[in-house]
Amino acid sequence: LKTFDLKKKFNETYLVAFWEKMMGKYIASRTRELYVKNRVLYLKIDSAPLRQELFMAKTKVIDIINKETGETTIEEVVFL
């Protein structure tokens, strides 16, 4: 993957596929839209209290994702 510079795209796809595993069933069930572009994670959450909670814990979310993928996959989280 590193030879053909596909590692970044693989990690982004892994993040979308395993969102529930990383963040838990409750957060995954409230997530309506999720995509990555230029190391920015875009999230659309349908629960206002959960969106606020995740906004406050933004750095923790980034740490969890980057730890799971083993490298800096996400640098910022934007809530839609």
C-alpha atoms as a PDB file:
ATOM      1  CA  LEU A   1       0.000   0.000   0.000  1.00  0.00           C
ATOM      2  CA  LYS A   2       2.811   2.410   0.796  1.00  0.00           C
ATOM      3  CA  THR A   3       4.607   1.629  -2.469  1.00  0.00           C
ATOM      4  CA  PHE A   4       1.637   2.747  -4.558  1.00  0.00           C
ATOM      5  CA  ASP A   5       0.624   5.533  -2.126  1.00  0.00           C
ATOM      6  CA  LEU A   6      -2.686   3.847  -1.310  1.00  0.00           C
ATOM      7  CA  LYS A   7      -2.290   3.736   2.487  1.00  0.00           C
ATOM      8  CA  LYS A   8      -4.071   7.086   3.026  1.00  0.00           C
ATOM      9  CA  LYS A   9      -7.113   6.074   0.964  1.00  0.00           C
ATOM     10  CA  PHE A  10      -7.170   2.640   2.619  1.00  0.00           C
ATOM     11  CA  ASN A  11      -7.245   4.235   6.090  1.00  0.00           C
ATOM     12  CA  GLU A  12     -10.057   6.593   5.058  1.00  0.00           C
ATOM     13  CA  THR A  13     -12.111   3.675   3.739  1.00  0.00           C
ATOM     14  CA  TYR A  14     -11.331   1.644   6.873  1.00  0.00           C
ATOM     15  CA  LEU A  15     -12.587   4.520   9.010  1.00  0.00           C
ATOM     16  CA  VAL A  16     -15.936   4.638   7.226  1.00  0.00           C
ATOM     17  CA  ALA A  17     -16.325   0.838   7.232  1.00  0.00           C
ATOM     18  CA  PHE A  18     -15.436   0.361  10.899  1.00  0.00           C
ATOM     19  CA  TRP A  19     -16.981   3.534  12.367  1.00  0.00           C
ATOM     20  CA  GLU A  20     -19.251   1.478  14.631  1.00  0.00           C
ATOM     21  CA  LYS A  21     -16.335  -0.588  15.946  1.00  0.00           C
ATOM     22  CA  MET A  22     -14.317   2.538  16.769  1.00  0.00           C
ATOM     23  CA  MET A  23     -17.024   4.759  18.234  1.00  0.00           C
ATOM     24  CA  GLY A  24     -19.654   2.337  19.486  1.00  0.00           C
ATOM     25  CA  LYS A  25     -23.111   1.279  18.449  1.00  0.00           C
ATOM     26  CA  TYR A  26     -24.966   4.319  19.858  1.00  0.00           C
ATOM     27  CA  ILE A  27     -22.829   6.917  18.068  1.00  0.00           C
ATOM     28  CA  ALA A  28     -22.874   4.887  14.852  1.00  0.00           C
ATOM     29  CA  SER A  29     -26.674   4.634  14.944  1.00  0.00           C
ATOM     30  CA  ARG A  30     -26.958   8.438  15.260  1.00  0.00           C
ATOM     31  CA  THR A  31     -24.471   9.124  12.456  1.00  0.00           C
ATOM     32  CA  ARG A  32     -26.290  10.000   9.235  1.00  0.00           C
ATOM     33  CA  GLU A  33     -23.372  10.995   7.033  1.00  0.00           C
ATOM     34  CA  LEU A  34     -19.671  10.258   7.314  1.00  0.00           C
ATOM     35  CA  TYR A  35     -16.866  10.942   4.863  1.00  0.00           C
ATOM     36  CA  VAL A  36     -13.210  11.945   4.785  1.00  0.00           C
ATOM     37  CA  LYS A  37     -11.621  14.523   2.509  1.00  0.00           C
ATOM     38  CA  ASN A  38      -8.078  15.881   2.827  1.00  0.00           C
ATOM     39  CA  ARG A  39      -7.616  14.441   6.336  1.00  0.00           C
ATOM     40  CA  VAL A  40     -10.806  16.115   7.554  1.00  0.00           C
ATOM     41  CA  LEU A  41     -13.623  13.941   8.890  1.00  0.00           C
ATOM     42  CA  TYR A  42     -17.091  15.282   8.079  1.00  0.00           C
ATOM     43  CA  LEU A  43     -19.881  14.038  10.340  1.00  0.00           C
ATOM     44  CA  LYS A  44     -23.610  14.585  10.257  1.00  0.00           C
ATOM     45  CA  ILE A  45     -25.139  13.560  13.580  1.00  0.00           C
ATOM     46  CA  ASP A  46     -28.942  13.591  13.990  1.00  0.00           C
ATOM     47  CA  SER A  47     -28.864  14.099  17.766  1.00  0.00           C
ATOM     48  CA  ALA A  48     -28.043  17.643  18.915  1.00  0.00           C
ATOM     49  CA  PRO A  49     -26.868  16.619  22.410  1.00  0.00           C
ATOM     50  CA  LEU A  50     -24.618  13.905  20.964  1.00  0.00           C
ATOM     51  CA  ARG A  51     -23.247  16.320  18.353  1.00  0.00           C
ATOM     52  CA  GLN A  52     -22.380  18.788  21.139  1.00  0.00           C
ATOM     53  CA  GLU A  53     -20.771  16.023  23.212  1.00  0.00           C
ATOM     54  CA  LEU A  54     -18.635  14.894  20.264  1.00  0.00           C
ATOM     55  CA  PHE A  55     -17.733  18.497  19.486  1.00  0.00           C
ATOM     56  CA  MET A  56     -16.425  18.916  23.033  1.00  0.00           C
ATOM     57  CA  ALA A  57     -14.463  15.639  22.751  1.00  0.00           C
ATOM     58  CA  LYS A  58     -13.146  16.329  19.229  1.00  0.00           C
ATOM     59  CA  THR A  59      -9.492  15.668  20.109  1.00  0.00           C
ATOM     60  CA  LYS A  60     -10.415  12.358  21.751  1.00  0.00           C
ATOM     61  CA  VAL A  61     -12.288  11.285  18.604  1.00  0.00           C
ATOM     62  CA  ILE A  62      -9.252  12.179  16.470  1.00  0.00           C
ATOM     63  CA  ASP A  63      -6.952  10.251  18.837  1.00  0.00           C
ATOM     64  CA  ILE A  64      -9.176   7.145  18.749  1.00  0.00           C
ATOM     65  CA  ILE A  65      -9.273   7.132  14.946  1.00  0.00           C
ATOM     66  CA  ASN A  66      -5.557   7.742  14.499  1.00  0.00           C
ATOM     67  CA  LYS A  67      -4.687   5.099  17.091  1.00  0.00           C
ATOM     68  CA  GLU A  68      -6.919   2.556  15.342  1.00  0.00           C
ATOM     69  CA  THR A  69      -5.393   3.204  11.911  1.00  0.00           C
ATOM     70  CA  GLY A  70      -1.828   3.450  13.223  1.00  0.00           C
ATOM     71  CA  GLU A  71      -1.024   6.803  11.625  1.00  0.00           C
ATOM     72  CA  THR A  72      -2.368  10.342  11.250  1.00  0.00           C
ATOM     73  CA  THR A  73      -5.467   9.730   9.169  1.00  0.00           C
ATOM     74  CA  ILE A  74      -7.579  12.571  10.571  1.00  0.00           C
ATOM     75  CA  GLU A  75      -6.400  16.044  11.585  1.00  0.00           C
ATOM     76  CA  GLU A  76      -9.773  17.781  12.027  1.00  0.00           C
ATOM     77  CA  VAL A  77     -13.455  16.922  12.556  1.00  0.00           C
ATOM     78  CA  VAL A  78     -16.233  19.055  11.063  1.00  0.00           C
ATOM     79  CA  PHE A  79     -19.864  18.624  12.111  1.00  0.00           C
ATOM     80  CA  LEU A  80     -22.437  19.224   9.380  1.00  0.00           C
END
